[in-house]
Amino acid sequence: MKITLTKAQHQVSQSKKRFRVLISGRRFGKTHLAITEMMKYAAKPVQNIWYVSPTFKMSREICWSNLKTMLHAFNWIEDINETNLTVRIKKSNSTISLKSADQPDALRGTGINFLILDEFADIDKRTWYEVLRASISDKYSNGRVLFCGTPRGYGNWSYELYLKGKQDEEWESFQFTTLQGGMVDKSELEQAKTDLDQRTFRQEFEGTFENYAGTVYYNFHPVENVVEKKIDWTKPLHIGMDFNVDPMSACVAQIEKDKVYFVDEIVIYSSNTDEMCQEIHDRYGTKIPIFIYPDPASRQRKTSAGGRTDLSILQNAGFKVKVKHKHPAIRDRVNAVNSRLKDSNGVRHIFISQSCKTLLKGLQRQIYKENTNIPDKEEGFDHMNDALGYLIEYIKPLTITSPYSAPTRWNIKQKQYGIKQGSTSRYS
């Protein structure tokens, strides 16, 4: 059995600095590198090793199964707790624990020998500065840290740490593209380039920091994305929906090949899901298929009486509901919309009728909160934009796949409890 790394991953692994910051494109192989690093430290006697991601669900879904696979392959597992996502290692008696940053107070009070903050740009920086920094600082741990993630703009604290890695003697920063990770074929990246706008592609796959000042939907053009188009009563309607009592918001589209035409919108104040369903029936009848793309919170959220979820109300009203099991990241939803407003080749795929006045105003006027990559919601432009985003992100999400086989460069076997440079693993 061997553990393998790409040349770029190996460069990060071999750094002797106490604090390492890895900025990379998607599918670089950050999780595989993280598991490799955890095992390297777990080989040492009585180490306390933590992997922290933005949510407990992410830790379980992204890292847990791959970590167990690796540990089982090496026969390292002495004891395992599936509830707490904790593993105790044979011989060394070290412990690896997967944690979540969404409850920072639960992370206090434990000395940590090695810490990984995965997708740290999406973690509140106070979790690091006010909680975890102290946990690596006691005289018995003198902990080391690996920060890794995709960049989130100059206003995000990930950029602060990246710069620190260029200036502080105890720190080192690395920046790699998706292609340098060796996990994704060049052809896949070329396809992604045609699907995404230029800024999104640079951030997500070239690992660059982008400016988030100004409008959120920067690819919207008030002329080129606006057309006069009426409802075709022979074709299905596709409706993105955001649930708010003030207001309930829905944008109505029809799809022609790879083009999405928004032909109407519905805004109802002091309302609920039942009233929205009635309005849709009153406007469009029941003769043509109607697909609803709601906020994924509709699975649990109840804006109407009777203890019914918004999802059940939509389904009982006879609509075909298209909804994901979990929220896409806000950045993914925004990036998906921008990439359809105008892709890297300058082609526009979203067109909006002049009658959709709320949607047009929202796309033009919603901005980012100052010095953040978070869309501002204070001015009320977000509701229809969110409705648009749920639809677009469902039908055209940001995706990229791994190759069936991995390169075989840099291939060196590992010694027991020792991990050395090797080729790309299939773990990502």
Protein backbone atom coordinates (compact mmCIF):
# COMPACT_ATOMS: atom_id res chain seq x y z
CA MET A 1 0.00 0.00 0.00
CA LYS A 2 1.26 3.47 -0.84
CA ILE A 3 0.09 7.03 -0.50
CA THR A 4 0.79 9.24 -3.48
CA LEU A 5 0.95 12.98 -4.08
CA THR A 6 1.32 15.18 -7.11
CA LYS A 7 4.33 17.44 -7.42
CA ALA A 8 2.29 20.44 -6.28
CA GLN A 9 0.79 18.57 -3.31
CA HIS A 10 4.24 17.31 -2.37
CA GLN A 11 5.55 20.87 -2.34
CA VAL A 12 2.97 21.82 0.29
CA SER A 13 3.55 18.65 2.29
CA GLN A 14 7.31 19.18 2.47
CA SER A 15 7.13 22.71 3.85
CA LYS A 16 8.61 23.02 7.35
CA LYS A 17 6.69 26.16 8.25
CA ARG A 18 4.37 26.04 11.23
CA PHE A 19 1.51 27.73 9.34
CA ARG A 20 0.80 26.82 5.72
CA VAL A 21 -1.83 28.46 3.50
CA LEU A 22 -2.93 26.58 0.38
CA ILE A 23 -5.04 28.49 -2.14
CA SER A 24 -6.10 26.44 -5.14
CA GLY A 25 -8.74 25.83 -7.76
CA ARG A 26 -11.49 23.28 -7.34
CA ARG A 27 -10.61 19.61 -7.60
CA PHE A 28 -6.95 20.28 -6.84
CA GLY A 29 -6.94 17.35 -4.42
CA LYS A 30 -7.06 19.35 -1.18
CA THR A 31 -8.91 16.66 0.73
CA HIS A 32 -6.47 13.94 -0.31
CA LEU A 33 -3.59 16.17 0.76
CA ALA A 34 -5.35 16.88 4.06
CA ILE A 35 -5.80 13.17 4.77
CA THR A 36 -2.17 12.53 3.90
CA GLU A 37 -1.03 15.25 6.28
CA MET A 38 -3.26 13.98 9.09
CA MET A 39 -1.84 10.50 8.71
CA LYS A 40 1.69 11.86 8.73
CA TYR A 41 1.06 13.47 12.12
CA ALA A 42 -1.00 10.54 13.41
CA ALA A 43 2.05 8.30 12.99
CA LYS A 44 3.70 10.23 15.84
CA PRO A 45 2.94 9.25 19.46
CA VAL A 46 -0.15 10.68 21.18
CA GLN A 47 -1.06 13.45 18.75
CA ASN A 48 -4.38 15.30 18.79
CA ILE A 49 -5.31 16.05 15.18
CA TRP A 50 -8.32 18.07 14.05
CA TYR A 51 -9.91 18.58 10.65
CA VAL A 52 -12.35 21.53 10.71
CA SER A 53 -14.66 22.47 7.82
CA PRO A 54 -17.48 25.06 7.69
CA THR A 55 -20.16 22.51 8.69
CA PHE A 56 -20.33 19.08 10.29
CA LYS A 57 -22.13 17.80 7.22
CA MET A 58 -19.26 18.92 5.00
CA SER A 59 -16.73 17.16 7.25
CA ARG A 60 -18.72 13.95 7.02
CA GLU A 61 -19.43 14.10 3.28
CA ILE A 62 -16.09 15.44 2.03
CA CYS A 63 -13.51 13.83 4.27
CA TRP A 64 -14.84 11.08 6.54
CA SER A 65 -15.32 8.17 4.13
CA ASN A 66 -12.01 8.81 2.33
CA LEU A 67 -10.18 9.06 5.64
CA LYS A 68 -11.63 5.74 6.82
CA THR A 69 -10.73 4.10 3.50
CA MET A 70 -7.12 5.18 3.85
CA LEU A 71 -6.84 4.17 7.50
CA HIS A 72 -8.44 0.76 6.87
CA ALA A 73 -6.05 0.14 3.98
CA PHE A 74 -3.11 0.66 6.35
CA ASN A 75 -4.79 -1.21 9.23
CA TRP A 76 -4.31 1.81 11.46
CA ILE A 77 -7.71 1.95 13.19
CA GLU A 78 -7.75 1.01 16.87
CA ASP A 79 -11.15 2.52 17.66
CA ILE A 80 -13.68 4.58 15.71
CA ASN A 81 -16.68 6.74 16.68
CA GLU A 82 -19.08 7.27 13.79
CA THR A 83 -21.18 9.77 15.72
CA ASN A 84 -18.37 12.12 16.67
CA LEU A 85 -16.24 11.36 13.56
CA THR A 86 -13.24 10.40 15.67
CA VAL A 87 -10.59 7.71 15.08
CA ARG A 88 -7.91 6.45 17.47
CA ILE A 89 -4.76 5.15 15.78
CA LYS A 90 -2.99 1.86 16.61
CA LYS A 91 0.54 1.94 18.08
CA SER A 92 0.79 5.72 18.15
CA ASN A 93 -2.40 6.21 20.24
CA SER A 94 -3.01 9.42 18.31
CA THR A 95 -6.51 10.70 17.60
CA ILE A 96 -7.98 12.21 14.43
CA SER A 97 -11.23 14.16 14.87
CA LEU A 98 -13.42 15.81 12.25
CA LYS A 99 -15.11 18.98 13.47
CA SER A 100 -17.38 21.78 12.35
CA ALA A 101 -16.89 25.55 12.53
CA ASP A 102 -20.60 26.36 12.68
CA GLN A 103 -20.54 26.03 16.49
CA PRO A 104 -17.23 27.70 17.45
CA ASP A 105 -17.72 27.47 21.21
CA ALA A 106 -17.68 23.67 20.95
CA LEU A 107 -14.09 23.91 19.68
CA ARG A 108 -12.67 25.50 22.85
CA GLY A 109 -10.34 24.07 25.45
CA THR A 110 -8.41 21.29 23.70
CA GLY A 111 -4.71 21.33 22.90
CA ILE A 112 -4.25 20.53 19.19
CA ASN A 113 -1.02 19.21 17.71
CA PHE A 114 -2.08 19.50 14.08
CA LEU A 115 -5.04 21.43 12.70
CA ILE A 116 -6.53 21.60 9.20
CA LEU A 117 -9.04 24.31 8.30
CA ASP A 118 -10.64 23.18 5.05
CA GLU A 119 -12.46 25.74 2.88
CA PHE A 120 -11.37 28.25 5.50
CA ALA A 121 -12.53 31.20 3.41
CA ASP A 122 -16.09 30.11 4.28
CA ILE A 123 -15.33 29.97 8.01
CA ASP A 124 -15.82 33.02 10.23
CA LYS A 125 -12.32 34.32 10.91
CA ARG A 126 -13.21 34.75 14.58
CA THR A 127 -13.29 30.95 14.85
CA TRP A 128 -9.58 30.97 14.12
CA TYR A 129 -8.49 34.09 15.95
CA GLU A 130 -10.69 33.77 19.04
CA VAL A 131 -10.98 29.99 19.46
CA LEU A 132 -8.61 27.74 17.54
CA ARG A 133 -5.49 29.90 17.71
CA ALA A 134 -5.32 29.38 21.46
CA SER A 135 -5.84 25.61 21.11
CA ILE A 136 -2.58 25.16 19.20
CA SER A 137 -0.58 27.40 21.54
CA ASP A 138 -0.21 25.51 24.81
CA LYS A 139 3.30 24.37 25.68
CA TYR A 140 2.46 20.70 25.18
CA SER A 141 0.94 20.98 21.71
CA ASN A 142 2.81 23.76 19.87
CA GLY A 143 0.41 22.93 17.09
CA ARG A 144 0.86 23.31 13.38
CA VAL A 145 -1.83 24.41 10.93
CA LEU A 146 -2.75 23.85 7.29
CA PHE A 147 -5.30 26.28 5.85
CA CYS A 148 -6.69 25.19 2.49
CA GLY A 149 -9.47 26.37 0.20
CA THR A 150 -10.60 28.18 -2.91
CA PRO A 151 -10.18 31.99 -2.82
CA ARG A 152 -13.15 34.23 -2.07
CA GLY A 153 -11.97 37.66 -3.14
CA TYR A 154 -9.69 40.33 -1.75
CA GLY A 155 -12.15 41.26 0.98
CA ASN A 156 -12.15 37.79 2.49
CA TRP A 157 -9.79 36.88 5.34
CA SER A 158 -8.30 34.15 3.16
CA TYR A 159 -6.45 36.91 1.33
CA GLU A 160 -5.13 38.27 4.64
CA LEU A 161 -3.65 34.89 5.52
CA TYR A 162 -2.30 34.39 2.00
CA LEU A 163 -0.38 37.67 2.31
CA LYS A 164 0.82 36.68 5.79
CA GLY A 165 2.30 33.55 4.24
CA LYS A 166 4.36 35.78 1.96
CA GLN A 167 5.62 38.02 4.75
CA ASP A 168 5.88 36.12 8.05
CA GLU A 169 8.82 33.76 8.72
CA GLU A 170 6.60 31.22 10.46
CA TRP A 171 4.15 31.15 7.55
CA GLU A 172 4.23 29.98 3.93
CA SER A 173 1.61 30.40 1.21
CA PHE A 174 1.00 28.33 -1.91
CA GLN A 175 -1.24 29.05 -4.90
CA PHE A 176 -2.06 26.42 -7.53
CA THR A 177 -4.53 25.95 -10.35
CA THR A 178 -6.90 23.01 -10.70
CA LEU A 179 -4.75 21.67 -13.53
CA GLN A 180 -1.65 21.63 -11.33
CA GLY A 181 -3.47 19.31 -8.95
CA GLY A 182 -3.48 16.58 -11.59
CA MET A 183 -7.01 15.45 -10.73
CA VAL A 184 -8.82 16.95 -13.71
CA ASP A 185 -8.20 16.53 -17.42
CA LYS A 186 -7.42 19.61 -19.46
CA SER A 187 -10.43 18.86 -21.67
CA GLU A 188 -12.72 19.19 -18.64
CA LEU A 189 -11.27 22.59 -17.87
CA GLU A 190 -11.81 23.70 -21.45
CA GLN A 191 -15.45 22.66 -21.12
CA ALA A 192 -15.74 24.55 -17.82
CA LYS A 193 -14.34 27.61 -19.53
CA THR A 194 -17.18 27.57 -22.06
CA ASP A 195 -19.75 27.15 -19.25
CA LEU A 196 -18.47 29.89 -16.94
CA ASP A 197 -17.81 33.58 -17.16
CA GLN A 198 -14.18 34.69 -17.05
CA ARG A 199 -14.06 35.89 -13.45
CA THR A 200 -15.75 32.79 -12.09
CA PHE A 201 -13.43 30.54 -14.06
CA ARG A 202 -10.35 32.38 -12.81
CA GLN A 203 -11.48 32.14 -9.20
CA GLU A 204 -12.79 28.60 -9.18
CA PHE A 205 -10.22 26.85 -11.38
CA GLU A 206 -7.19 29.11 -11.58
CA GLY A 207 -7.30 29.89 -7.85
CA THR A 208 -7.03 33.67 -8.24
CA PHE A 209 -8.34 36.35 -5.91
CA GLU A 210 -11.02 38.43 -7.58
CA ASN A 211 -12.44 41.83 -6.74
CA TYR A 212 -15.94 41.66 -5.21
CA ALA A 213 -16.62 45.37 -5.17
CA GLY A 214 -19.62 46.71 -7.05
CA THR A 215 -22.69 44.85 -8.27
CA VAL A 216 -23.21 41.16 -7.55
CA TYR A 217 -24.44 40.32 -11.05
CA TYR A 218 -21.68 42.11 -12.92
CA ASN A 219 -22.36 40.28 -16.20
CA PHE A 220 -25.88 41.64 -16.52
CA HIS A 221 -26.26 44.16 -19.38
CA PRO A 222 -29.43 46.28 -19.50
CA VAL A 223 -29.57 46.01 -23.27
CA GLU A 224 -27.96 42.74 -24.29
CA ASN A 225 -29.74 40.65 -21.63
CA VAL A 226 -33.15 42.26 -22.25
CA VAL A 227 -35.57 41.12 -24.95
CA GLU A 228 -39.26 41.44 -25.63
CA LYS A 229 -40.70 37.94 -25.46
CA LYS A 230 -44.22 36.75 -24.71
CA ILE A 231 -45.33 33.49 -23.12
CA ASP A 232 -45.57 30.61 -25.55
CA TRP A 233 -48.68 28.78 -24.33
CA THR A 234 -47.58 25.53 -25.98
CA LYS A 235 -44.40 25.20 -23.88
CA PRO A 236 -43.81 24.48 -20.16
CA LEU A 237 -43.20 27.24 -17.63
CA HIS A 238 -40.19 27.17 -15.33
CA ILE A 239 -40.59 29.22 -12.15
CA GLY A 240 -37.87 30.11 -9.65
CA MET A 241 -39.32 30.90 -6.23
CA ASP A 242 -38.12 32.60 -3.05
CA PHE A 243 -40.22 32.24 0.09
CA ASN A 244 -40.71 35.40 2.08
CA VAL A 245 -43.89 36.72 3.60
CA ASP A 246 -42.86 40.20 2.44
CA PRO A 247 -42.67 39.58 -0.43
CA MET A 248 -43.23 36.17 -1.96
CA SER A 249 -41.22 36.31 -5.19
CA ALA A 250 -41.26 34.22 -8.35
CA CYS A 251 -39.66 34.66 -11.76
CA VAL A 252 -41.25 32.86 -14.71
CA ALA A 253 -39.19 31.51 -17.60
CA GLN A 254 -39.32 29.37 -20.69
CA ILE A 255 -36.36 27.42 -21.98
CA GLU A 256 -35.28 27.12 -25.60
CA LYS A 257 -32.24 24.88 -26.03
CA ASP A 258 -29.49 26.55 -23.93
CA LYS A 259 -31.34 29.89 -23.61
CA VAL A 260 -33.58 30.87 -20.69
CA TYR A 261 -36.17 33.60 -21.33
CA PHE A 262 -37.81 35.25 -18.31
CA VAL A 263 -41.23 36.33 -19.48
CA ASP A 264 -43.04 37.26 -16.26
CA GLU A 265 -42.65 37.73 -12.51
CA ILE A 266 -44.87 37.53 -9.46
CA VAL A 267 -44.45 39.66 -6.34
CA ILE A 268 -46.99 39.32 -3.51
CA TYR A 269 -46.63 41.21 -0.21
CA SER A 270 -47.94 39.95 3.14
CA SER A 271 -48.56 36.58 1.56
CA ASN A 272 -47.89 32.86 1.89
CA THR A 273 -47.25 29.81 -0.29
CA ASP A 274 -50.93 28.96 -0.72
CA GLU A 275 -51.63 32.41 -2.14
CA MET A 276 -48.63 32.14 -4.46
CA CYS A 277 -49.91 28.80 -5.79
CA GLN A 278 -53.35 30.32 -6.39
CA GLU A 279 -51.81 33.27 -8.24
CA ILE A 280 -49.85 30.93 -10.52
CA HIS A 281 -53.00 28.94 -11.32
CA ASP A 282 -54.97 32.12 -11.97
CA ARG A 283 -52.35 33.50 -14.35
CA TYR A 284 -51.28 30.41 -16.25
CA GLY A 285 -54.03 27.83 -15.77
CA THR A 286 -53.39 24.11 -15.67
CA LYS A 287 -53.10 23.14 -19.33
CA ILE A 288 -49.33 23.49 -19.68
CA PRO A 289 -46.74 21.84 -17.40
CA ILE A 290 -45.39 24.12 -14.67
CA PHE A 291 -42.04 23.38 -13.02
CA ILE A 292 -41.16 25.11 -9.74
CA TYR A 293 -37.56 25.62 -8.57
CA PRO A 294 -37.90 26.77 -4.95
CA ASP A 295 -35.54 27.62 -2.15
CA PRO A 296 -34.29 24.22 -0.79
CA ALA A 297 -35.46 25.43 2.65
CA SER A 298 -38.96 24.65 1.36
CA ARG A 299 -38.39 21.07 2.54
CA GLN A 300 -38.73 22.29 6.12
CA ARG A 301 -39.98 25.87 5.93
CA LYS A 302 -43.64 26.65 6.68
CA THR A 303 -44.98 30.01 5.48
CA SER A 304 -48.61 28.84 5.61
CA ALA A 305 -50.85 27.56 8.37
CA GLY A 306 -51.60 23.96 9.15
CA GLY A 307 -48.10 22.65 9.77
CA ARG A 308 -47.48 22.00 6.06
CA THR A 309 -44.12 22.58 4.46
CA ASP A 310 -43.80 24.89 1.47
CA LEU A 311 -42.62 21.93 -0.60
CA SER A 312 -45.73 19.86 0.21
CA ILE A 313 -47.99 22.81 -0.66
CA LEU A 314 -46.35 23.19 -4.07
CA GLN A 315 -46.61 19.47 -4.76
CA ASN A 316 -50.25 19.26 -3.66
CA ALA A 317 -51.05 22.18 -5.96
CA GLY A 318 -50.06 19.99 -8.89
CA PHE A 319 -46.72 21.57 -9.77
CA LYS A 320 -43.64 19.60 -10.78
CA VAL A 321 -41.13 20.64 -8.11
CA LYS A 322 -37.40 20.62 -8.82
CA VAL A 323 -35.42 21.17 -5.62
CA LYS A 324 -32.06 20.06 -4.29
CA HIS A 325 -31.61 18.36 -0.93
CA LYS A 326 -29.39 21.16 0.35
CA HIS A 327 -28.68 24.78 -0.36
CA PRO A 328 -26.03 25.46 -2.95
CA ALA A 329 -23.36 27.78 -1.61
CA ILE A 330 -24.38 31.40 -2.19
CA ARG A 331 -21.23 31.95 -4.28
CA ASP A 332 -22.13 28.94 -6.48
CA ARG A 333 -25.62 30.28 -7.07
CA VAL A 334 -24.32 33.76 -7.92
CA ASN A 335 -21.55 32.39 -10.12
CA ALA A 336 -23.99 30.14 -11.97
CA VAL A 337 -26.17 33.16 -12.79
CA ASN A 338 -23.24 35.33 -13.87
CA SER A 339 -21.96 32.53 -16.08
CA ARG A 340 -25.33 32.29 -17.83
CA LEU A 341 -25.69 36.05 -18.16
CA LYS A 342 -22.44 35.97 -20.15
CA ASP A 343 -20.00 33.09 -20.52
CA SER A 344 -16.26 33.24 -21.21
CA ASN A 345 -16.89 33.32 -24.95
CA GLY A 346 -19.13 36.36 -24.62
CA VAL A 347 -22.32 34.36 -25.27
CA ARG A 348 -25.44 35.28 -23.26
CA HIS A 349 -27.87 32.57 -22.17
CA ILE A 350 -30.31 34.52 -19.95
CA PHE A 351 -32.76 37.03 -21.41
CA ILE A 352 -35.34 39.05 -19.50
CA SER A 353 -38.51 40.75 -20.63
CA GLN A 354 -39.07 44.43 -19.81
CA SER A 355 -42.18 43.38 -17.90
CA CYS A 356 -39.96 41.77 -15.23
CA LYS A 357 -39.25 45.11 -13.58
CA THR A 358 -38.36 43.78 -10.12
CA LEU A 359 -35.89 41.26 -11.51
CA LEU A 360 -34.27 43.84 -13.79
CA LYS A 361 -33.89 46.30 -10.94
CA GLY A 362 -32.43 43.64 -8.64
CA LEU A 363 -29.83 42.48 -11.15
CA GLN A 364 -28.70 46.06 -11.72
CA ARG A 365 -28.64 47.26 -8.13
CA GLN A 366 -27.75 44.46 -5.70
CA ILE A 367 -24.20 45.01 -4.41
CA TYR A 368 -21.76 43.25 -2.09
CA LYS A 369 -21.45 44.19 1.55
CA GLU A 370 -18.40 46.38 1.93
CA ASN A 371 -15.12 44.43 2.05
CA THR A 372 -16.88 41.06 1.80
CA ASN A 373 -17.99 38.52 -0.81
CA ILE A 374 -21.49 38.44 0.72
CA PRO A 375 -24.38 39.93 -1.32
CA ASP A 376 -26.13 42.75 0.52
CA LYS A 377 -29.74 42.04 1.50
CA GLU A 378 -30.56 45.29 3.27
CA GLU A 379 -32.04 47.09 0.25
CA GLY A 380 -34.50 44.32 -0.67
CA PHE A 381 -33.08 43.52 -4.11
CA ASP A 382 -32.23 39.97 -3.15
CA HIS A 383 -35.59 38.18 -3.23
CA MET A 384 -36.17 38.02 -6.97
CA ASN A 385 -32.45 37.53 -7.58
CA ASP A 386 -32.51 34.52 -5.25
CA ALA A 387 -35.55 33.11 -7.08
CA LEU A 388 -33.64 33.45 -10.34
CA GLY A 389 -30.59 31.79 -8.77
CA TYR A 390 -32.48 28.71 -7.54
CA LEU A 391 -33.72 28.05 -11.08
CA ILE A 392 -30.45 28.68 -12.88
CA GLU A 393 -28.27 26.82 -10.39
CA TYR A 394 -30.57 23.79 -10.64
CA ILE A 395 -30.56 23.55 -14.43
CA LYS A 396 -26.94 24.65 -14.94
CA PRO A 397 -24.86 24.12 -11.76
CA LEU A 398 -21.12 24.64 -11.57
CA THR A 399 -19.68 21.14 -11.97
CA ILE A 400 -16.45 19.46 -12.92
CA THR A 401 -15.50 15.79 -12.96
CA SER A 402 -12.35 13.82 -12.24
CA PRO A 403 -10.58 11.65 -14.80
CA TYR A 404 -11.11 7.90 -14.65
CA SER A 405 -7.42 7.37 -14.12
CA ALA A 406 -4.75 9.50 -12.55
CA PRO A 407 -1.25 10.36 -13.68
CA THR A 408 1.52 8.12 -12.39
CA ARG A 409 4.29 10.65 -11.93
CA TRP A 410 6.18 11.10 -8.69
CA ASN A 411 5.51 7.58 -7.50
CA ILE A 412 7.36 6.49 -4.36
CA LYS A 413 6.25 3.82 -1.89
CA GLN A 414 5.73 4.77 1.74
CA LYS A 415 7.23 3.15 4.80
CA GLN A 416 4.99 2.15 7.65
CA TYR A 417 3.81 5.27 9.46
CA GLY A 418 5.74 7.36 6.96
CA ILE A 419 4.34 9.13 3.94
CA LYS A 420 6.39 10.27 1.01
CA GLN A 421 5.95 11.88 -2.36
CA GLY A 422 4.04 9.94 -5.00
CA SER A 423 1.52 10.27 -7.79
CA THR A 424 -1.96 11.68 -7.76
CA SER A 425 -4.44 9.70 -5.72
CA ARG A 426 -8.10 9.30 -6.72
CA TYR A 427 -9.12 10.77 -3.41
CA SER A 428 -9.99 14.45 -3.81
